[in-house]
């Protein structure tokens, strides 16, 4: 058997962040007056997604309580979870 190939395109960060903000908005019954905490991977992808989500969330009326970055290679995320 040979592995099958899959090709497709990945949406840009700004579209992913907006979509995520809309999903969270729907799950919380609206963003207005709501605070969320964010953890994101300290990489170009993670930073771009974090920025686009934050912008979209604030446009919906929500606020960001705290943002925490992490490295994907670190052995533990305990200190980040405590923030």
Protein backbone atom coordinates (compact mmCIF):
# COMPACT_ATOMS: atom_id res chain seq x y z
CA UNK A 1 0.00 0.00 0.00
CA UNK A 2 1.16 3.49 -0.70
CA UNK A 3 0.24 6.46 1.43
CA UNK A 4 -2.35 8.73 -0.07
CA UNK A 5 -1.60 12.40 -0.42
CA UNK A 6 -3.83 15.11 0.81
CA UNK A 7 -3.56 18.63 -0.42
CA UNK A 8 -5.42 21.68 0.65
CA UNK A 9 -4.91 25.14 1.90
CA UNK A 10 -4.80 26.38 5.44
CA UNK A 11 -6.78 29.54 6.09
CA UNK A 12 -4.74 32.57 7.15
CA UNK A 13 -4.41 33.43 10.85
CA UNK A 14 -6.83 36.35 10.62
CA UNK A 15 -9.63 34.08 9.39
CA UNK A 16 -8.85 31.38 11.96
CA UNK A 17 -8.78 33.92 14.81
CA UNK A 18 -12.08 35.45 13.74
CA UNK A 19 -13.71 32.02 13.41
CA UNK A 20 -12.44 30.99 16.84
CA UNK A 21 -13.75 34.21 18.39
CA UNK A 22 -17.15 33.55 16.85
CA UNK A 23 -17.21 29.97 18.19
CA UNK A 24 -16.32 31.17 21.71
CA UNK A 25 -18.87 33.99 21.38
CA UNK A 26 -21.59 31.47 20.53
CA UNK A 27 -20.53 29.07 23.31
CA UNK A 28 -20.61 31.83 25.94
CA UNK A 29 -23.86 33.38 24.75
CA UNK A 30 -22.13 36.56 23.60
CA UNK A 31 -18.79 38.25 24.17
CA UNK A 32 -20.04 41.49 25.73
CA UNK A 33 -18.81 41.70 29.30
CA UNK A 34 -16.99 38.35 29.07
CA UNK A 35 -13.30 37.84 29.83
CA UNK A 36 -11.24 34.99 28.43
CA UNK A 37 -7.72 33.81 29.16
CA UNK A 38 -5.45 32.89 26.26
CA UNK A 39 -2.52 30.53 25.99
CA UNK A 40 -0.65 30.43 22.71
CA UNK A 41 2.43 28.80 21.26
CA UNK A 42 5.34 31.23 20.98
CA UNK A 43 5.77 30.83 17.22
CA UNK A 44 4.84 32.88 14.19
CA UNK A 45 1.65 30.82 13.83
CA UNK A 46 0.71 31.05 17.51
CA UNK A 47 1.41 34.77 17.75
CA UNK A 48 -0.55 35.51 14.59
CA UNK A 49 -3.51 33.46 15.77
CA UNK A 50 -3.41 35.08 19.22
CA UNK A 51 -3.40 38.58 17.76
CA UNK A 52 -6.23 37.89 15.33
CA UNK A 53 -8.37 36.20 18.00
CA UNK A 54 -7.79 39.06 20.44
CA UNK A 55 -8.77 41.66 17.84
CA UNK A 56 -11.90 39.75 16.81
CA UNK A 57 -12.90 39.04 20.42
CA UNK A 58 -12.59 42.69 21.38
CA UNK A 59 -14.65 43.74 18.34
CA UNK A 60 -17.38 41.42 19.64
CA UNK A 61 -17.27 43.25 22.99
CA UNK A 62 -15.17 40.82 25.01
CA UNK A 63 -11.93 41.39 26.88
CA UNK A 64 -8.78 39.36 27.38
CA UNK A 65 -8.06 38.68 31.04
CA UNK A 66 -4.55 37.31 30.51
CA UNK A 67 -2.35 36.05 27.68
CA UNK A 68 0.33 33.47 28.26
CA UNK A 69 2.81 32.21 25.70
CA UNK A 70 4.58 28.87 25.82
CA UNK A 71 7.20 26.94 23.90
CA UNK A 72 6.09 23.69 22.29
CA UNK A 73 9.32 22.01 23.38
CA UNK A 74 9.20 22.83 27.07
CA UNK A 75 8.85 19.80 29.34
CA UNK A 76 6.00 21.22 31.44
CA UNK A 77 3.33 23.88 31.18
CA UNK A 78 2.76 24.06 34.92
CA UNK A 79 4.03 27.63 35.40
CA UNK A 80 1.92 28.88 32.49
CA UNK A 81 -1.18 27.15 33.89
CA UNK A 82 -0.71 28.96 37.19
CA UNK A 83 -1.06 32.38 35.54
